[in-house]
């Protein structure tokens, strides 16, 4: 069978230990429950090989903001459906020029950021509030302390009430810690990653993304490995699998149609990749999600 350039083939599949909806770095997986369900969450306590789950309900959002007071390299925020901050940590407040977190509450990004950053942040928030789809580990420019521009990883989840209605969003932006001597992050890298997210259905390769980023393929691979702890080929596959999971949940398209829409070689190749990532076939995944609703 002739290989289609840029299409996912069986040899390209990464072996993923986590399910596609929890592909955050290990330090962030524990935060996912907090971000998705801030008013009704489960705290997992590991005890050796066993895992004990203790239900914790109706914890105030202010508690999470207080916890993030002790994480100065992260900006924590909760917003209502109008995009107004309802809770933040001091780190975020200081980054935008306020001494106290309370001074930022009630304001929107358009009131505290320059127009270019504000427009991008507002559009991102509006998409989460409209669709409910999360933003996960997005590499983007943000403000570091003293309004110094720097790179960060941003994660945002919609907050839903007991009836499933979206009532706001919650998120964190973690400063990207670049090791000494590692060099600056090229501006074109974010553009290449944005292209991957928007065009995962097209013919893509590590080389084509490196060209779009404007950096040599070898350096591109090193940057992706350092930032995401994966290879460029695995990142492409991961992006396609994550997109496929959304299609399976939100659309009536067949598995074959979703495979093609997400850039996979064929139906069977997609099924093998999806099973390797989740432990389920696409059809089983779709059925399990619909049973949960």
C-alpha atoms as a PDB file:
ATOM      1  CA  UNK A   1       0.000   0.000   0.000  1.00  0.00           C
ATOM      2  CA  UNK A   2       1.374   3.428  -0.946  1.00  0.00           C
ATOM      3  CA  UNK A   3       2.120   5.721   1.947  1.00  0.00           C
ATOM      4  CA  UNK A   4       0.303   9.054   1.924  1.00  0.00           C
ATOM      5  CA  UNK A   5       2.793  11.752   3.020  1.00  0.00           C
ATOM      6  CA  UNK A   6       1.888  13.302   6.325  1.00  0.00           C
ATOM      7  CA  UNK A   7      -0.789  10.715   7.134  1.00  0.00           C
ATOM      8  CA  UNK A   8      -0.544   8.726  10.353  1.00  0.00           C
ATOM      9  CA  UNK A   9       0.622   5.143   9.802  1.00  0.00           C
ATOM     10  CA  UNK A  10       0.918   2.299  12.313  1.00  0.00           C
ATOM     11  CA  UNK A  11       4.668   2.795  12.797  1.00  0.00           C
ATOM     12  CA  UNK A  12       4.062   6.412  13.834  1.00  0.00           C
ATOM     13  CA  UNK A  13       1.930   5.617  16.871  1.00  0.00           C
ATOM     14  CA  UNK A  14       3.372   6.555  20.258  1.00  0.00           C
ATOM     15  CA  UNK A  15       2.708   4.292  23.215  1.00  0.00           C
ATOM     16  CA  UNK A  16       0.819   6.511  25.636  1.00  0.00           C
ATOM     17  CA  UNK A  17       0.375   5.518  29.261  1.00  0.00           C
ATOM     18  CA  UNK A  18      -2.343   8.064  30.007  1.00  0.00           C
ATOM     19  CA  UNK A  19      -5.674   8.475  28.350  1.00  0.00           C
ATOM     20  CA  UNK A  20      -5.872  11.215  25.790  1.00  0.00           C
ATOM     21  CA  UNK A  21      -8.033  13.434  27.953  1.00  0.00           C
ATOM     22  CA  UNK A  22      -5.371  13.446  30.664  1.00  0.00           C
ATOM     23  CA  UNK A  23      -2.254  14.115  28.643  1.00  0.00           C
ATOM     24  CA  UNK A  24      -1.062  16.896  30.913  1.00  0.00           C
ATOM     25  CA  UNK A  25       2.363  16.629  32.528  1.00  0.00           C
ATOM     26  CA  UNK A  26       2.244  14.585  35.735  1.00  0.00           C
ATOM     27  CA  UNK A  27       2.450  17.711  37.907  1.00  0.00           C
ATOM     28  CA  UNK A  28      -0.758  19.010  36.342  1.00  0.00           C
ATOM     29  CA  UNK A  29      -2.878  15.866  36.210  1.00  0.00           C
ATOM     30  CA  UNK A  30      -3.683  16.230  39.901  1.00  0.00           C
ATOM     31  CA  UNK A  31      -4.903  19.760  39.229  1.00  0.00           C
ATOM     32  CA  UNK A  32      -7.330  18.692  36.545  1.00  0.00           C
ATOM     33  CA  UNK A  33     -10.053  17.759  39.010  1.00  0.00           C
ATOM     34  CA  UNK A  34      -9.715  21.136  40.677  1.00  0.00           C
ATOM     35  CA  UNK A  35      -9.935  22.957  37.361  1.00  0.00           C
ATOM     36  CA  UNK A  36     -12.895  21.003  36.001  1.00  0.00           C
ATOM     37  CA  UNK A  37     -15.016  20.741  39.120  1.00  0.00           C
ATOM     38  CA  UNK A  38     -13.988  23.448  41.601  1.00  0.00           C
ATOM     39  CA  UNK A  39     -17.193  23.161  43.638  1.00  0.00           C
ATOM     40  CA  UNK A  40     -17.480  19.391  43.709  1.00  0.00           C
ATOM     41  CA  UNK A  41     -14.249  17.480  43.320  1.00  0.00           C
ATOM     42  CA  UNK A  42     -12.465  14.297  44.293  1.00  0.00           C
ATOM     43  CA  UNK A  43      -9.051  14.310  45.872  1.00  0.00           C
ATOM     44  CA  UNK A  44      -6.904  11.266  45.107  1.00  0.00           C
ATOM     45  CA  UNK A  45      -4.498  10.159  47.816  1.00  0.00           C
ATOM     46  CA  UNK A  46      -1.910   7.613  46.739  1.00  0.00           C
ATOM     47  CA  UNK A  47      -0.978   4.968  49.298  1.00  0.00           C
ATOM     48  CA  UNK A  48       1.561   2.594  47.770  1.00  0.00           C
ATOM     49  CA  UNK A  49      -0.017   0.754  44.862  1.00  0.00           C
ATOM     50  CA  UNK A  50      -3.542   1.411  46.035  1.00  0.00           C
ATOM     51  CA  UNK A  51      -5.451   4.611  45.511  1.00  0.00           C
ATOM     52  CA  UNK A  52      -7.923   5.900  48.052  1.00  0.00           C
ATOM     53  CA  UNK A  53     -10.477   8.420  46.792  1.00  0.00           C
ATOM     54  CA  UNK A  54     -12.022  10.827  49.262  1.00  0.00           C
ATOM     55  CA  UNK A  55     -14.987  12.947  48.181  1.00  0.00           C
ATOM     56  CA  UNK A  56     -14.741  16.632  48.990  1.00  0.00           C
ATOM     57  CA  UNK A  57     -17.726  18.809  48.194  1.00  0.00           C
ATOM     58  CA  UNK A  58     -18.607  22.490  48.163  1.00  0.00           C
ATOM     59  CA  UNK A  59     -15.123  23.836  48.730  1.00  0.00           C
ATOM     60  CA  UNK A  60     -15.005  27.594  48.096  1.00  0.00           C
ATOM     61  CA  UNK A  61     -13.142  28.833  45.041  1.00  0.00           C
ATOM     62  CA  UNK A  62     -11.249  31.214  47.324  1.00  0.00           C
ATOM     63  CA  UNK A  63      -9.534  28.175  48.843  1.00  0.00           C
ATOM     64  CA  UNK A  64      -7.945  27.304  45.520  1.00  0.00           C
ATOM     65  CA  UNK A  65      -6.813  30.894  45.045  1.00  0.00           C
ATOM     66  CA  UNK A  66      -5.253  30.720  48.495  1.00  0.00           C
ATOM     67  CA  UNK A  67      -3.423  27.510  47.578  1.00  0.00           C
ATOM     68  CA  UNK A  68      -2.004  29.181  44.477  1.00  0.00           C
ATOM     69  CA  UNK A  69      -0.749  32.055  46.608  1.00  0.00           C
ATOM     70  CA  UNK A  70       2.147  29.705  47.296  1.00  0.00           C
ATOM     71  CA  UNK A  71       2.875  29.079  43.604  1.00  0.00           C
ATOM     72  CA  UNK A  72       4.521  32.320  42.445  1.00  0.00           C
ATOM     73  CA  UNK A  73       5.473  30.973  39.034  1.00  0.00           C
ATOM     74  CA  UNK A  74       1.817  30.387  38.102  1.00  0.00           C
ATOM     75  CA  UNK A  75      -1.101  32.718  37.500  1.00  0.00           C
ATOM     76  CA  UNK A  76      -4.394  31.256  38.789  1.00  0.00           C
ATOM     77  CA  UNK A  77      -7.767  32.711  37.829  1.00  0.00           C
ATOM     78  CA  UNK A  78     -11.512  32.115  37.837  1.00  0.00           C
ATOM     79  CA  UNK A  79     -13.818  34.127  35.548  1.00  0.00           C
ATOM     80  CA  UNK A  80     -17.564  34.466  35.125  1.00  0.00           C
ATOM     81  CA  UNK A  81     -19.382  34.212  31.786  1.00  0.00           C
ATOM     82  CA  UNK A  82     -18.747  37.913  31.130  1.00  0.00           C
ATOM     83  CA  UNK A  83     -15.002  37.338  31.395  1.00  0.00           C
ATOM     84  CA  UNK A  84     -14.665  39.157  34.722  1.00  0.00           C
ATOM     85  CA  UNK A  85     -12.156  37.854  37.233  1.00  0.00           C
ATOM     86  CA  UNK A  86     -13.925  36.450  40.295  1.00  0.00           C
ATOM     87  CA  UNK A  87     -10.854  34.952  41.998  1.00  0.00           C
ATOM     88  CA  UNK A  88      -7.117  35.243  41.318  1.00  0.00           C
ATOM     89  CA  UNK A  89      -3.873  34.629  43.117  1.00  0.00           C
ATOM     90  CA  UNK A  90      -1.484  37.392  44.105  1.00  0.00           C
ATOM     91  CA  UNK A  91       1.007  36.367  41.432  1.00  0.00           C
ATOM     92  CA  UNK A  92      -1.458  37.249  38.661  1.00  0.00           C
ATOM     93  CA  UNK A  93      -2.483  40.499  40.324  1.00  0.00           C
ATOM     94  CA  UNK A  94       1.128  41.628  40.649  1.00  0.00           C
ATOM     95  CA  UNK A  95       1.870  40.763  37.029  1.00  0.00           C
ATOM     96  CA  UNK A  96      -0.778  43.217  35.828  1.00  0.00           C
ATOM     97  CA  UNK A  97       0.209  45.968  38.251  1.00  0.00           C
ATOM     98  CA  UNK A  98      -1.927  45.451  41.363  1.00  0.00           C
ATOM     99  CA  UNK A  99      -0.649  44.949  44.875  1.00  0.00           C
ATOM    100  CA  UNK A 100      -3.604  42.885  46.093  1.00  0.00           C
ATOM    101  CA  UNK A 101      -5.541  40.116  44.407  1.00  0.00           C
ATOM    102  CA  UNK A 102      -8.803  41.794  45.433  1.00  0.00           C
ATOM    103  CA  UNK A 103      -7.970  44.797  43.262  1.00  0.00           C
ATOM    104  CA  UNK A 104      -8.126  42.652  40.121  1.00  0.00           C
ATOM    105  CA  UNK A 105     -11.467  41.021  40.952  1.00  0.00           C
ATOM    106  CA  UNK A 106     -14.290  42.395  38.796  1.00  0.00           C
ATOM    107  CA  UNK A 107     -12.046  43.483  35.943  1.00  0.00           C
ATOM    108  CA  UNK A 108     -11.632  41.901  32.499  1.00  0.00           C
ATOM    109  CA  UNK A 109      -8.491  41.197  30.496  1.00  0.00           C
ATOM    110  CA  UNK A 110      -9.254  44.192  28.274  1.00  0.00           C
ATOM    111  CA  UNK A 111      -8.910  46.459  31.299  1.00  0.00           C
ATOM    112  CA  UNK A 112      -5.503  45.228  32.419  1.00  0.00           C
ATOM    113  CA  UNK A 113      -3.575  43.915  29.405  1.00  0.00           C
ATOM    114  CA  UNK A 114      -2.306  45.604  26.225  1.00  0.00           C
ATOM    115  CA  UNK A 115      -4.682  45.290  23.288  1.00  0.00           C
ATOM    116  CA  UNK A 116      -2.779  42.464  21.565  1.00  0.00           C
ATOM    117  CA  UNK A 117      -2.635  40.218  24.637  1.00  0.00           C
ATOM    118  CA  UNK A 118      -6.141  41.191  25.781  1.00  0.00           C
ATOM    119  CA  UNK A 119      -7.682  40.339  22.417  1.00  0.00           C
ATOM    120  CA  UNK A 120      -6.023  36.936  22.313  1.00  0.00           C
ATOM    121  CA  UNK A 121      -6.928  36.067  25.914  1.00  0.00           C
ATOM    122  CA  UNK A 122     -10.538  37.252  25.462  1.00  0.00           C
ATOM    123  CA  UNK A 123     -11.049  35.179  22.303  1.00  0.00           C
ATOM    124  CA  UNK A 124      -9.628  32.145  24.058  1.00  0.00           C
ATOM    125  CA  UNK A 125     -11.974  32.644  27.033  1.00  0.00           C
ATOM    126  CA  UNK A 126     -14.981  33.157  24.760  1.00  0.00           C
ATOM    127  CA  UNK A 127     -14.267  29.884  22.948  1.00  0.00           C
ATOM    128  CA  UNK A 128     -14.071  27.934  26.223  1.00  0.00           C
ATOM    129  CA  UNK A 129     -17.278  29.534  27.521  1.00  0.00           C
ATOM    130  CA  UNK A 130     -19.118  28.941  24.234  1.00  0.00           C
ATOM    131  CA  UNK A 131     -18.052  25.370  23.472  1.00  0.00           C
ATOM    132  CA  UNK A 132     -16.956  23.970  26.837  1.00  0.00           C
ATOM    133  CA  UNK A 133     -13.815  22.637  25.213  1.00  0.00           C
ATOM    134  CA  UNK A 134     -10.710  23.084  27.352  1.00  0.00           C
ATOM    135  CA  UNK A 135      -7.436  24.724  26.474  1.00  0.00           C
ATOM    136  CA  UNK A 136      -4.679  22.359  27.589  1.00  0.00           C
ATOM    137  CA  UNK A 137      -1.013  23.246  27.950  1.00  0.00           C
ATOM    138  CA  UNK A 138      -1.059  25.917  25.239  1.00  0.00           C
ATOM    139  CA  UNK A 139       2.316  27.555  24.751  1.00  0.00           C
ATOM    140  CA  UNK A 140       1.843  31.322  24.558  1.00  0.00           C
ATOM    141  CA  UNK A 141       3.311  34.668  25.503  1.00  0.00           C
ATOM    142  CA  UNK A 142       2.170  36.075  28.824  1.00  0.00           C
ATOM    143  CA  UNK A 143       3.352  38.550  31.418  1.00  0.00           C
ATOM    144  CA  UNK A 144       5.910  37.499  33.980  1.00  0.00           C
ATOM    145  CA  UNK A 145       6.370  39.517  37.200  1.00  0.00           C
ATOM    146  CA  UNK A 146       7.005  43.241  36.630  1.00  0.00           C
ATOM    147  CA  UNK A 147       5.205  43.011  33.265  1.00  0.00           C
ATOM    148  CA  UNK A 148       8.111  41.263  31.601  1.00  0.00           C
ATOM    149  CA  UNK A 149       6.957  39.289  28.570  1.00  0.00           C
ATOM    150  CA  UNK A 150       7.708  35.573  28.733  1.00  0.00           C
ATOM    151  CA  UNK A 151       6.467  32.150  27.676  1.00  0.00           C
ATOM    152  CA  UNK A 152       3.972  30.107  29.652  1.00  0.00           C
ATOM    153  CA  UNK A 153       1.750  27.039  29.402  1.00  0.00           C
ATOM    154  CA  UNK A 154      -1.936  27.913  29.795  1.00  0.00           C
ATOM    155  CA  UNK A 155      -4.712  25.485  30.754  1.00  0.00           C
ATOM    156  CA  UNK A 156      -8.388  26.462  31.020  1.00  0.00           C
ATOM    157  CA  UNK A 157     -11.564  24.496  31.771  1.00  0.00           C
ATOM    158  CA  UNK A 158     -15.207  25.495  31.726  1.00  0.00           C
ATOM    159  CA  UNK A 159     -17.055  25.466  35.067  1.00  0.00           C
ATOM    160  CA  UNK A 160     -20.525  23.906  34.959  1.00  0.00           C
ATOM    161  CA  UNK A 161     -23.366  24.010  37.457  1.00  0.00           C
ATOM    162  CA  UNK A 162     -25.354  20.979  38.633  1.00  0.00           C
ATOM    163  CA  UNK A 163     -27.432  21.132  35.441  1.00  0.00           C
ATOM    164  CA  UNK A 164     -24.442  21.126  33.127  1.00  0.00           C
ATOM    165  CA  UNK A 165     -24.704  24.785  32.201  1.00  0.00           C
ATOM    166  CA  UNK A 166     -21.445  26.695  31.791  1.00  0.00           C
ATOM    167  CA  UNK A 167     -21.176  29.376  34.464  1.00  0.00           C
ATOM    168  CA  UNK A 168     -17.559  30.423  34.091  1.00  0.00           C
ATOM    169  CA  UNK A 169     -14.042  29.146  33.590  1.00  0.00           C
ATOM    170  CA  UNK A 170     -10.985  28.388  35.689  1.00  0.00           C
ATOM    171  CA  UNK A 171      -7.378  28.108  34.691  1.00  0.00           C
ATOM    172  CA  UNK A 172      -3.679  28.487  35.302  1.00  0.00           C
ATOM    173  CA  UNK A 173      -0.775  29.875  33.311  1.00  0.00           C
ATOM    174  CA  UNK A 174       2.546  28.331  34.351  1.00  0.00           C
ATOM    175  CA  UNK A 175       5.793  30.135  33.600  1.00  0.00           C
ATOM    176  CA  UNK A 176       7.988  28.170  31.258  1.00  0.00           C
ATOM    177  CA  UNK A 177      11.189  27.412  33.114  1.00  0.00           C
ATOM    178  CA  UNK A 178      13.964  27.420  30.540  1.00  0.00           C
ATOM    179  CA  UNK A 179      17.197  25.813  31.796  1.00  0.00           C
ATOM    180  CA  UNK A 180      20.238  28.041  31.937  1.00  0.00           C
ATOM    181  CA  UNK A 181      22.134  28.027  28.665  1.00  0.00           C
ATOM    182  CA  UNK A 182      19.207  26.519  26.758  1.00  0.00           C
ATOM    183  CA  UNK A 183      18.621  29.670  24.738  1.00  0.00           C
ATOM    184  CA  UNK A 184      15.476  31.635  24.074  1.00  0.00           C
ATOM    185  CA  UNK A 185      12.252  30.115  22.774  1.00  0.00           C
ATOM    186  CA  UNK A 186      11.890  31.125  19.096  1.00  0.00           C
ATOM    187  CA  UNK A 187       8.769  33.163  18.409  1.00  0.00           C
ATOM    188  CA  UNK A 188       7.999  30.959  15.407  1.00  0.00           C
ATOM    189  CA  UNK A 189       7.554  27.895  17.605  1.00  0.00           C
ATOM    190  CA  UNK A 190       4.193  29.082  18.927  1.00  0.00           C
ATOM    191  CA  UNK A 191       3.078  29.789  15.360  1.00  0.00           C
ATOM    192  CA  UNK A 192       4.001  26.252  14.321  1.00  0.00           C
ATOM    193  CA  UNK A 193       2.076  24.772  17.256  1.00  0.00           C
ATOM    194  CA  UNK A 194      -0.961  26.916  16.431  1.00  0.00           C
ATOM    195  CA  UNK A 195      -0.765  25.608  12.862  1.00  0.00           C
ATOM    196  CA  UNK A 196      -0.699  22.038  14.150  1.00  0.00           C
ATOM    197  CA  UNK A 197      -3.800  22.623  16.282  1.00  0.00           C
ATOM    198  CA  UNK A 198      -5.699  24.230  13.391  1.00  0.00           C
ATOM    199  CA  UNK A 199      -4.553  21.927  10.563  1.00  0.00           C
ATOM    200  CA  UNK A 200      -4.086  18.502  12.143  1.00  0.00           C
ATOM    201  CA  UNK A 201      -6.129  17.026   9.271  1.00  0.00           C
ATOM    202  CA  UNK A 202      -3.543  18.056   6.699  1.00  0.00           C
ATOM    203  CA  UNK A 203      -0.267  16.473   5.633  1.00  0.00           C
ATOM    204  CA  UNK A 204       2.104  17.290   8.482  1.00  0.00           C
ATOM    205  CA  UNK A 205       5.575  16.161   9.432  1.00  0.00           C
ATOM    206  CA  UNK A 206       8.216  17.225  11.960  1.00  0.00           C
ATOM    207  CA  UNK A 207      10.168  18.773   9.087  1.00  0.00           C
ATOM    208  CA  UNK A 208       7.236  20.847   7.829  1.00  0.00           C
ATOM    209  CA  UNK A 209       6.512  22.141  11.331  1.00  0.00           C
ATOM    210  CA  UNK A 210      10.189  22.989  11.839  1.00  0.00           C
ATOM    211  CA  UNK A 211      10.136  24.943   8.587  1.00  0.00           C
ATOM    212  CA  UNK A 212       7.048  26.837   9.711  1.00  0.00           C
ATOM    213  CA  UNK A 213       8.763  27.604  13.026  1.00  0.00           C
ATOM    214  CA  UNK A 214      11.786  28.883  11.116  1.00  0.00           C
ATOM    215  CA  UNK A 215      14.284  26.692  12.936  1.00  0.00           C
ATOM    216  CA  UNK A 216      16.358  23.646  11.921  1.00  0.00           C
ATOM    217  CA  UNK A 217      14.606  20.270  12.361  1.00  0.00           C
ATOM    218  CA  UNK A 218      17.153  19.020  14.889  1.00  0.00           C
ATOM    219  CA  UNK A 219      16.722  22.070  17.116  1.00  0.00           C
ATOM    220  CA  UNK A 220      12.945  21.888  16.672  1.00  0.00           C
ATOM    221  CA  UNK A 221      12.969  18.281  17.892  1.00  0.00           C
ATOM    222  CA  UNK A 222      15.081  19.214  20.919  1.00  0.00           C
ATOM    223  CA  UNK A 223      12.716  22.060  21.851  1.00  0.00           C
ATOM    224  CA  UNK A 224       9.614  19.868  21.548  1.00  0.00           C
ATOM    225  CA  UNK A 225      11.270  17.159  23.639  1.00  0.00           C
ATOM    226  CA  UNK A 226      12.252  19.649  26.338  1.00  0.00           C
ATOM    227  CA  UNK A 227       8.898  21.450  26.454  1.00  0.00           C
ATOM    228  CA  UNK A 228       6.474  18.560  25.997  1.00  0.00           C
ATOM    229  CA  UNK A 229       8.576  15.521  26.909  1.00  0.00           C
ATOM    230  CA  UNK A 230       7.699  13.886  23.602  1.00  0.00           C
ATOM    231  CA  UNK A 231       8.950  13.754  20.028  1.00  0.00           C
ATOM    232  CA  UNK A 232       7.524  15.910  17.210  1.00  0.00           C
ATOM    233  CA  UNK A 233       5.961  12.816  15.587  1.00  0.00           C
ATOM    234  CA  UNK A 234       4.304  11.859  18.869  1.00  0.00           C
ATOM    235  CA  UNK A 235       3.062  15.423  19.341  1.00  0.00           C
ATOM    236  CA  UNK A 236       1.414  15.335  15.918  1.00  0.00           C
ATOM    237  CA  UNK A 237      -0.215  11.997  16.737  1.00  0.00           C
ATOM    238  CA  UNK A 238      -1.294  13.227  20.166  1.00  0.00           C
ATOM    239  CA  UNK A 239      -2.920  16.314  18.670  1.00  0.00           C
ATOM    240  CA  UNK A 240      -4.828  14.212  16.173  1.00  0.00           C
ATOM    241  CA  UNK A 241      -6.007  11.747  18.822  1.00  0.00           C
ATOM    242  CA  UNK A 242      -7.206  14.562  21.064  1.00  0.00           C
ATOM    243  CA  UNK A 243      -9.127  16.088  18.164  1.00  0.00           C
ATOM    244  CA  UNK A 244     -10.583  12.678  17.333  1.00  0.00           C
ATOM    245  CA  UNK A 245     -11.845  12.260  20.899  1.00  0.00           C
ATOM    246  CA  UNK A 246     -13.760  15.536  20.570  1.00  0.00           C
ATOM    247  CA  UNK A 247     -15.267  14.430  17.254  1.00  0.00           C
ATOM    248  CA  UNK A 248     -16.340  11.137  18.799  1.00  0.00           C
ATOM    249  CA  UNK A 249     -18.053  12.921  21.679  1.00  0.00           C
ATOM    250  CA  UNK A 250     -19.609  15.850  19.850  1.00  0.00           C
ATOM    251  CA  UNK A 251     -20.497  14.634  16.360  1.00  0.00           C
ATOM    252  CA  UNK A 252     -22.458  11.939  14.580  1.00  0.00           C
ATOM    253  CA  UNK A 253     -19.688  11.274  12.062  1.00  0.00           C
ATOM    254  CA  UNK A 254     -18.652   7.688  11.486  1.00  0.00           C
ATOM    255  CA  UNK A 255     -15.342   6.399  12.805  1.00  0.00           C
ATOM    256  CA  UNK A 256     -14.006   6.240   9.243  1.00  0.00           C
ATOM    257  CA  UNK A 257     -14.966   9.874   8.613  1.00  0.00           C
ATOM    258  CA  UNK A 258     -13.316  10.970  11.860  1.00  0.00           C
ATOM    259  CA  UNK A 259     -10.164   9.025  10.994  1.00  0.00           C
ATOM    260  CA  UNK A 260      -9.855  10.893   7.715  1.00  0.00           C
ATOM    261  CA  UNK A 261     -10.803  14.237   9.266  1.00  0.00           C
ATOM    262  CA  UNK A 262      -8.018  13.866  11.821  1.00  0.00           C
ATOM    263  CA  UNK A 263      -5.265  12.997   9.373  1.00  0.00           C
ATOM    264  CA  UNK A 264      -4.987   9.238   9.887  1.00  0.00           C
ATOM    265  CA  UNK A 265      -3.898   6.781   7.222  1.00  0.00           C
ATOM    266  CA  UNK A 266      -7.109   4.747   7.289  1.00  0.00           C
ATOM    267  CA  UNK A 267      -9.878   3.484   9.574  1.00  0.00           C
ATOM    268  CA  UNK A 268      -7.930   0.526  10.966  1.00  0.00           C
ATOM    269  CA  UNK A 269      -4.794   2.614  11.577  1.00  0.00           C
ATOM    270  CA  UNK A 270      -6.861   5.128  13.536  1.00  0.00           C
ATOM    271  CA  UNK A 271      -8.488   2.378  15.584  1.00  0.00           C
ATOM    272  CA  UNK A 272      -5.121   0.850  16.503  1.00  0.00           C
ATOM    273  CA  UNK A 273      -3.701   4.246  17.506  1.00  0.00           C
ATOM    274  CA  UNK A 274      -6.773   5.131  19.543  1.00  0.00           C
ATOM    275  CA  UNK A 275      -6.785   1.788  21.356  1.00  0.00           C
ATOM    276  CA  UNK A 276      -3.089   2.188  22.190  1.00  0.00           C
ATOM    277  CA  UNK A 277      -3.788   5.613  23.700  1.00  0.00           C
ATOM    278  CA  UNK A 278      -7.007   4.908  25.595  1.00  0.00           C
ATOM    279  CA  UNK A 279      -7.392   1.166  25.966  1.00  0.00           C
ATOM    280  CA  UNK A 280     -10.656   1.389  24.008  1.00  0.00           C
ATOM    281  CA  UNK A 281     -11.657   1.367  20.364  1.00  0.00           C
ATOM    282  CA  UNK A 282     -13.172   4.611  19.028  1.00  0.00           C
ATOM    283  CA  UNK A 283     -16.616   3.010  19.097  1.00  0.00           C
ATOM    284  CA  UNK A 284     -16.216   1.880  22.717  1.00  0.00           C
ATOM    285  CA  UNK A 285     -14.991   5.344  23.690  1.00  0.00           C
ATOM    286  CA  UNK A 286     -18.001   7.005  22.041  1.00  0.00           C
ATOM    287  CA  UNK A 287     -20.426   4.607  23.745  1.00  0.00           C
ATOM    288  CA  UNK A 288     -18.852   5.107  27.177  1.00  0.00           C
ATOM    289  CA  UNK A 289     -19.038   8.895  26.856  1.00  0.00           C
ATOM    290  CA  UNK A 290     -22.684   8.827  25.861  1.00  0.00           C
ATOM    291  CA  UNK A 291     -23.546   6.546  28.757  1.00  0.00           C
ATOM    292  CA  UNK A 292     -22.018   9.117  31.118  1.00  0.00           C
ATOM    293  CA  UNK A 293     -24.265  11.910  29.852  1.00  0.00           C
END
